């Protein structure tokens, strides 16, 4: 018996720049040749959610052109485009998607199949929803931007990386990739007992306190210089000025947060050190090898299924407007450890009028 496909999408979103998040309903657009329609089962929260919501309040949004956020989800494929080859109806998938399109705070979502990966079999939908955005960000930053390769794992053991913000969503998966896949000596930053312990659980070799001068903290563990620095927080001039004396000649720094102010990088010149940026939506926006994200998510998923990677989920609550707003506020506070996920998405929208 053929499945009855939905004609509309229910979502929590904005229809007025000055309004509040609310339940909305819009027609489902026609799928493109490589699109898949996904029944959303669980979503995960990221700082991008509240940041993009703030940005969209400055844009022309309306009932006919709403803003729907959400950039991490796990769900089930219910329809495929004419040229889809990676997934079929019934497959369980994880994805971050494309922030220029409607997001995952909805019961159904259209996504380019090349941006999705297979859901790890041993994880629940909420656990799996915590993976895509942070895993793609961390992997692309470490492998594609910093150029650290798994085939050099033995040589990498003598290389040191500092991950600033190790207890956050990106930092916690970056620790696991850097240590367990790439073989680096991993130093990360945290300041609270619970965040320090969490970073160690993720696999960090050393945890230093970012509330103190980084150079002084590194001296305490007999480290004077670094091969790589992965900054998961704002790249302020104050922070960058701490990085430049620490990075080795020909070293490499990567940041994942857009620059709010111009950055003076003169300190890198004599060392021929490099600064790179990572944005996981580049491939989707400019259609540059989007299938790489499918490959990365599949690789990361296999590492979860094999037990090499461990879940970073720390809070799980049912999906509803109250919990969504609470999760956004918690993310904005900067106190989040690991990932916050919201489950039972279908239950909420089935009850919603």
Protein backbone atom coordinates (compact mmCIF):
# COMPACT_ATOMS: atom_id res chain seq x y z
CA UNK A 1 0.00 0.00 0.00
CA UNK A 2 1.48 3.36 -1.04
CA UNK A 3 2.20 5.96 1.61
CA UNK A 4 0.05 9.11 1.68
CA UNK A 5 2.45 12.01 1.37
CA UNK A 6 1.91 15.24 3.33
CA UNK A 7 0.74 18.33 1.44
CA UNK A 8 1.87 20.85 4.05
CA UNK A 9 4.66 21.40 6.54
CA UNK A 10 3.91 22.31 10.13
CA UNK A 11 6.69 24.20 11.87
CA UNK A 12 7.66 26.62 14.59
CA UNK A 13 8.90 29.79 12.95
CA UNK A 14 8.63 33.53 12.42
CA UNK A 15 6.17 35.28 10.11
CA UNK A 16 6.83 38.79 11.43
CA UNK A 17 10.27 40.30 12.21
CA UNK A 18 8.80 41.82 15.38
CA UNK A 19 6.71 38.80 16.32
CA UNK A 20 7.30 35.71 18.42
CA UNK A 21 8.03 32.17 17.34
CA UNK A 22 4.74 30.45 16.64
CA UNK A 23 3.16 27.43 15.02
CA UNK A 24 2.85 27.91 11.26
CA UNK A 25 1.74 25.80 8.31
CA UNK A 26 2.96 26.14 4.71
CA UNK A 27 2.59 24.11 1.50
CA UNK A 28 5.33 21.62 0.70
CA UNK A 29 7.33 22.69 -2.33
CA UNK A 30 8.04 20.35 -5.22
CA UNK A 31 11.20 18.31 -4.64
CA UNK A 32 14.22 19.01 -6.78
CA UNK A 33 15.89 16.09 -8.60
CA UNK A 34 18.33 15.41 -5.73
CA UNK A 35 16.05 16.40 -2.85
CA UNK A 36 14.61 14.10 -0.23
CA UNK A 37 11.58 14.77 1.94
CA UNK A 38 12.30 13.80 5.54
CA UNK A 39 9.93 13.12 8.41
CA UNK A 40 11.73 14.82 11.29
CA UNK A 41 11.99 12.73 14.46
CA UNK A 42 14.43 14.73 16.63
CA UNK A 43 16.39 17.97 16.44
CA UNK A 44 19.44 19.42 18.14
CA UNK A 45 20.20 22.98 19.26
CA UNK A 46 23.20 25.06 18.17
CA UNK A 47 24.26 28.69 18.73
CA UNK A 48 23.45 29.23 15.06
CA UNK A 49 19.75 28.88 15.91
CA UNK A 50 19.48 32.00 18.05
CA UNK A 51 22.06 33.92 15.96
CA UNK A 52 20.18 33.27 12.73
CA UNK A 53 16.88 34.10 14.42
CA UNK A 54 18.33 37.48 15.41
CA UNK A 55 19.51 38.05 11.84
CA UNK A 56 16.17 37.08 10.29
CA UNK A 57 14.40 39.67 12.43
CA UNK A 58 16.13 42.26 10.23
CA UNK A 59 14.85 40.64 7.01
CA UNK A 60 11.60 40.75 5.06
CA UNK A 61 9.70 37.75 6.38
CA UNK A 62 5.96 37.20 6.20
CA UNK A 63 3.27 34.53 6.38
CA UNK A 64 3.98 33.62 2.76
CA UNK A 65 7.75 33.74 3.29
CA UNK A 66 8.41 32.62 6.89
CA UNK A 67 11.67 31.92 8.67
CA UNK A 68 12.02 28.39 10.04
CA UNK A 69 15.20 27.61 11.95
CA UNK A 70 16.96 24.39 12.93
CA UNK A 71 20.17 22.95 11.50
CA UNK A 72 20.52 19.51 13.09
CA UNK A 73 18.07 16.66 12.70
CA UNK A 74 17.48 12.95 12.48
CA UNK A 75 14.56 11.50 10.60
CA UNK A 76 13.14 9.14 7.98
CA UNK A 77 13.00 9.59 4.20
CA UNK A 78 9.40 9.60 2.93
CA UNK A 79 9.95 10.79 -0.65
CA UNK A 80 12.87 11.11 -3.07
CA UNK A 81 13.58 13.28 -6.09
CA UNK A 82 13.92 11.85 -9.58
CA UNK A 83 17.74 11.70 -9.52
CA UNK A 84 18.27 10.49 -5.94
CA UNK A 85 20.73 7.60 -5.67
CA UNK A 86 22.01 7.77 -2.09
CA UNK A 87 18.76 7.13 -0.20
CA UNK A 88 15.40 5.47 -0.66
CA UNK A 89 12.06 5.79 1.10
CA UNK A 90 12.30 4.37 4.63
CA UNK A 91 16.00 5.14 5.14
CA UNK A 92 16.91 6.83 8.41
CA UNK A 93 19.14 9.87 7.95
CA UNK A 94 20.94 12.67 9.77
CA UNK A 95 21.68 16.08 8.31
CA UNK A 96 22.39 19.74 8.95
CA UNK A 97 21.02 20.98 5.65
CA UNK A 98 21.31 24.46 4.19
CA UNK A 99 20.66 27.56 6.30
CA UNK A 100 19.36 29.46 3.25
CA UNK A 101 16.37 27.08 3.20
CA UNK A 102 13.64 26.19 5.69
CA UNK A 103 15.02 24.50 8.80
CA UNK A 104 14.32 21.44 10.89
CA UNK A 105 11.99 22.86 13.56
CA UNK A 106 9.20 21.23 11.57
CA UNK A 107 7.46 17.92 11.02
CA UNK A 108 8.85 17.54 7.48
CA UNK A 109 11.85 19.04 5.74
CA UNK A 110 13.27 19.05 2.21
CA UNK A 111 17.04 18.51 2.01
CA UNK A 112 19.52 17.80 -0.78
CA UNK A 113 20.37 14.12 -0.28
CA UNK A 114 24.07 14.86 -0.76
CA UNK A 115 24.04 16.84 2.49
CA UNK A 116 22.62 13.93 4.51
CA UNK A 117 24.22 10.82 5.95
CA UNK A 118 22.91 7.50 7.19
CA UNK A 119 21.76 7.53 10.80
CA UNK A 120 24.03 5.43 13.05
CA UNK A 121 22.13 2.22 13.75
CA UNK A 122 23.08 2.02 17.42
CA UNK A 123 21.93 5.55 18.26
CA UNK A 124 18.42 6.79 18.94
CA UNK A 125 17.06 9.61 16.81
CA UNK A 126 17.76 12.18 19.58
CA UNK A 127 21.35 10.95 19.97
CA UNK A 128 21.83 10.99 16.20
CA UNK A 129 20.36 14.48 15.82
CA UNK A 130 23.24 15.84 17.92
CA UNK A 131 25.83 14.83 15.32
CA UNK A 132 25.53 16.57 11.92
CA UNK A 133 26.34 20.27 12.31
CA UNK A 134 29.08 19.88 14.90
CA UNK A 135 30.65 16.81 13.31
CA UNK A 136 30.76 18.41 9.87
CA UNK A 137 32.16 21.62 11.31
CA UNK A 138 34.85 19.84 13.31
CA UNK A 139 35.84 17.40 10.56
CA UNK A 140 36.01 20.02 7.83
CA UNK A 141 38.00 22.36 10.08
CA UNK A 142 40.50 19.70 11.15
CA UNK A 143 40.92 17.76 7.91
CA UNK A 144 40.07 20.18 5.12
CA UNK A 145 41.23 23.48 6.64
CA UNK A 146 44.09 22.46 8.93
CA UNK A 147 45.07 19.67 6.54
CA UNK A 148 45.52 17.00 9.23
CA UNK A 149 45.20 13.56 7.65
CA UNK A 150 44.29 10.20 9.15
CA UNK A 151 46.96 8.43 7.06
CA UNK A 152 49.56 10.42 9.04
CA UNK A 153 48.20 9.26 12.40
CA UNK A 154 51.57 7.96 13.65
CA UNK A 155 53.40 11.18 12.73
CA UNK A 156 50.53 13.22 14.18
CA UNK A 157 51.25 11.86 17.65
CA UNK A 158 54.08 14.38 17.99
CA UNK A 159 51.81 17.26 16.90
CA UNK A 160 49.88 19.37 19.40
CA UNK A 161 46.52 21.03 18.89
CA UNK A 162 44.74 23.47 21.19
CA UNK A 163 40.94 23.32 20.92
CA UNK A 164 39.45 26.44 22.49
CA UNK A 165 36.03 25.66 23.95
CA UNK A 166 36.30 21.91 24.38
CA UNK A 167 33.06 21.34 26.27
CA UNK A 168 30.79 22.84 23.62
CA UNK A 169 29.06 21.00 20.82
CA UNK A 170 31.81 21.49 18.24
CA UNK A 171 34.63 21.24 20.76
CA UNK A 172 33.47 17.93 22.21
CA UNK A 173 33.33 16.16 18.84
CA UNK A 174 36.52 17.93 17.68
CA UNK A 175 38.35 16.39 20.65
CA UNK A 176 37.21 12.92 19.58
CA UNK A 177 38.15 13.43 15.92
CA UNK A 178 41.52 14.98 16.76
CA UNK A 179 42.44 12.24 19.24
CA UNK A 180 40.73 9.09 17.99
CA UNK A 181 40.94 9.56 14.21
CA UNK A 182 43.92 11.86 13.70
CA UNK A 183 46.11 10.82 16.64
CA UNK A 184 47.06 14.31 17.84
CA UNK A 185 48.05 15.39 21.32
CA UNK A 186 44.93 17.31 22.33
CA UNK A 187 44.88 20.27 24.69
CA UNK A 188 41.56 21.96 25.26
CA UNK A 189 40.13 24.75 27.39
CA UNK A 190 37.49 24.61 30.13
CA UNK A 191 37.06 26.32 33.49
CA UNK A 192 34.39 24.50 35.52
CA UNK A 193 34.80 21.14 37.20
CA UNK A 194 31.99 19.63 35.14
CA UNK A 195 33.35 20.96 31.83
CA UNK A 196 36.89 19.84 32.65
CA UNK A 197 35.67 16.33 33.42
CA UNK A 198 33.55 16.30 30.26
CA UNK A 199 36.54 17.24 28.08
CA UNK A 200 38.61 14.47 29.63
CA UNK A 201 35.78 12.01 29.00
CA UNK A 202 35.81 13.04 25.33
CA UNK A 203 39.51 12.16 25.14
CA UNK A 204 41.48 15.35 25.78
CA UNK A 205 45.06 14.78 26.96
CA UNK A 206 45.18 18.09 28.83
CA UNK A 207 42.61 20.67 29.90
CA UNK A 208 43.69 24.24 30.65
CA UNK A 209 41.72 27.18 32.04
CA UNK A 210 40.77 29.75 29.40
CA UNK A 211 40.08 32.33 32.11
CA UNK A 212 43.85 32.64 32.56
CA UNK A 213 46.53 33.58 30.03
CA UNK A 214 46.87 30.65 27.63
CA UNK A 215 50.67 30.82 27.55
CA UNK A 216 50.86 30.57 31.33
CA UNK A 217 48.42 27.67 31.40
CA UNK A 218 50.43 25.81 28.75
CA UNK A 219 53.66 26.33 30.68
CA UNK A 220 52.10 24.44 33.58
CA UNK A 221 51.97 21.34 31.36
CA UNK A 222 55.40 22.03 29.81
CA UNK A 223 54.07 23.09 26.42
CA UNK A 224 55.52 26.23 24.85
CA UNK A 225 54.20 26.09 21.30
CA UNK A 226 51.44 24.55 19.21
CA UNK A 227 51.18 23.09 15.72
CA UNK A 228 47.48 23.86 15.42
CA UNK A 229 44.85 25.99 17.12
CA UNK A 230 41.13 25.32 16.62
CA UNK A 231 39.08 28.22 17.96
CA UNK A 232 35.40 27.37 18.44
CA UNK A 233 34.48 30.74 20.02
CA UNK A 234 34.54 34.34 18.79
CA UNK A 235 37.84 35.23 17.12
CA UNK A 236 38.43 38.49 18.97
CA UNK A 237 41.65 40.46 18.64
CA UNK A 238 42.34 39.82 22.32
CA UNK A 239 42.16 36.06 21.81
CA UNK A 240 44.05 36.14 18.53
CA UNK A 241 46.89 38.08 20.17
CA UNK A 242 47.27 35.15 22.57
CA UNK A 243 47.38 32.67 19.69
CA UNK A 244 50.14 34.26 17.60
CA UNK A 245 53.01 33.83 20.10
CA UNK A 246 51.96 30.21 20.67
CA UNK A 247 51.62 28.99 17.10
CA UNK A 248 54.74 27.40 15.61
CA UNK A 249 56.36 28.58 12.37
CA UNK A 250 54.26 27.17 9.50
CA UNK A 251 51.51 26.43 12.02
CA UNK A 252 47.82 26.81 11.29
CA UNK A 253 44.86 28.41 13.09
CA UNK A 254 41.21 27.83 12.18
CA UNK A 255 38.09 29.64 13.38
CA UNK A 256 34.43 28.74 12.95
CA UNK A 257 32.71 31.97 14.03
CA UNK A 258 32.34 34.96 11.70
CA UNK A 259 34.39 38.05 12.50
CA UNK A 260 32.45 40.91 14.07
CA UNK A 261 35.45 43.26 13.82
CA UNK A 262 38.46 43.46 11.46
CA UNK A 263 41.31 41.24 12.68
CA UNK A 264 44.97 42.27 12.60
CA UNK A 265 46.87 39.12 11.60
CA UNK A 266 50.31 40.72 11.25
CA UNK A 267 51.61 38.47 14.04
CA UNK A 268 51.46 35.49 11.66
CA UNK A 269 53.71 37.03 9.00
CA UNK A 270 57.23 36.16 10.17
CA UNK A 271 56.13 32.66 11.14
CA UNK A 272 54.44 32.05 7.79
CA UNK A 273 51.57 30.74 9.89
CA UNK A 274 48.09 30.56 8.39
CA UNK A 275 44.58 31.48 9.44
CA UNK A 276 41.60 29.65 7.92
CA UNK A 277 37.86 29.80 8.42
CA UNK A 278 35.31 26.99 8.36
CA UNK A 279 31.66 27.30 7.33
CA UNK A 280 29.75 24.06 6.83
CA UNK A 281 27.18 25.68 4.55
CA UNK A 282 29.71 26.66 1.87
CA UNK A 283 29.27 23.42 -0.07
CA UNK A 284 25.48 23.74 -0.05
CA UNK A 285 25.34 27.42 -0.95
CA UNK A 286 27.87 27.28 -3.78
CA UNK A 287 27.25 23.64 -4.81
CA UNK A 288 30.90 22.66 -4.41
CA UNK A 289 31.15 18.88 -3.90
CA UNK A 290 28.12 18.71 -1.56
CA UNK A 291 28.45 14.90 -1.61
CA UNK A 292 31.52 15.27 0.63
CA UNK A 293 29.15 15.96 3.52
CA UNK A 294 27.34 12.70 2.86
CA UNK A 295 30.70 10.91 2.98
CA UNK A 296 31.81 12.66 6.18
CA UNK A 297 28.55 11.96 8.00
CA UNK A 298 28.68 8.30 6.97
CA UNK A 299 32.25 8.03 8.26
CA UNK A 300 31.38 9.67 11.57
CA UNK A 301 28.27 7.51 11.90
CA UNK A 302 30.34 4.35 11.49
CA UNK A 303 32.62 5.54 14.31
CA UNK A 304 29.60 5.85 16.61
CA UNK A 305 28.32 2.41 15.61
CA UNK A 306 31.75 0.87 16.25
CA UNK A 307 31.86 2.39 19.74
CA UNK A 308 34.92 4.54 19.01
CA UNK A 309 32.94 7.76 19.42
CA UNK A 310 30.64 8.45 22.36
CA UNK A 311 27.50 10.57 22.44
CA UNK A 312 27.82 14.21 23.50
CA UNK A 313 24.13 14.58 24.41
CA UNK A 314 23.72 16.00 27.91
CA UNK A 315 20.10 17.19 27.87
CA UNK A 316 17.11 15.61 26.12
CA UNK A 317 13.59 17.02 26.33
CA UNK A 318 10.43 16.63 24.22
CA UNK A 319 10.00 19.05 21.34
CA UNK A 320 7.63 21.93 22.03
CA UNK A 321 7.75 25.73 21.87
CA UNK A 322 8.58 26.18 25.55
CA UNK A 323 11.50 23.74 25.46
CA UNK A 324 12.73 25.18 22.16
CA UNK A 325 12.87 28.71 23.59
CA UNK A 326 14.50 27.44 26.77
CA UNK A 327 17.14 25.58 24.74
CA UNK A 328 17.88 28.70 22.66
CA UNK A 329 18.33 30.76 25.82
CA UNK A 330 20.58 28.11 27.35
CA UNK A 331 22.70 27.99 24.21
CA UNK A 332 22.99 31.78 24.19
CA UNK A 333 24.18 31.74 27.82
CA UNK A 334 27.36 29.94 26.77
CA UNK A 335 26.97 27.41 29.58
CA UNK A 336 25.96 24.45 27.42
CA UNK A 337 27.96 21.24 27.83
CA UNK A 338 27.88 18.95 24.81
CA UNK A 339 24.54 18.97 23.01
CA UNK A 340 20.92 19.69 23.87
CA UNK A 341 18.37 17.70 21.86
CA UNK A 342 14.59 17.79 21.52
CA UNK A 343 12.80 14.53 20.76
CA UNK A 344 9.31 13.34 19.77
CA UNK A 345 8.93 16.00 17.08
CA UNK A 346 6.09 14.13 15.36
CA UNK A 347 4.11 13.82 18.59
CA UNK A 348 4.11 17.59 19.06
CA UNK A 349 2.97 18.44 15.56
CA UNK A 350 0.32 15.72 15.52
CA UNK A 351 -1.24 17.32 18.60
CA UNK A 352 -0.80 20.88 17.34
CA UNK A 353 -3.74 22.64 15.73
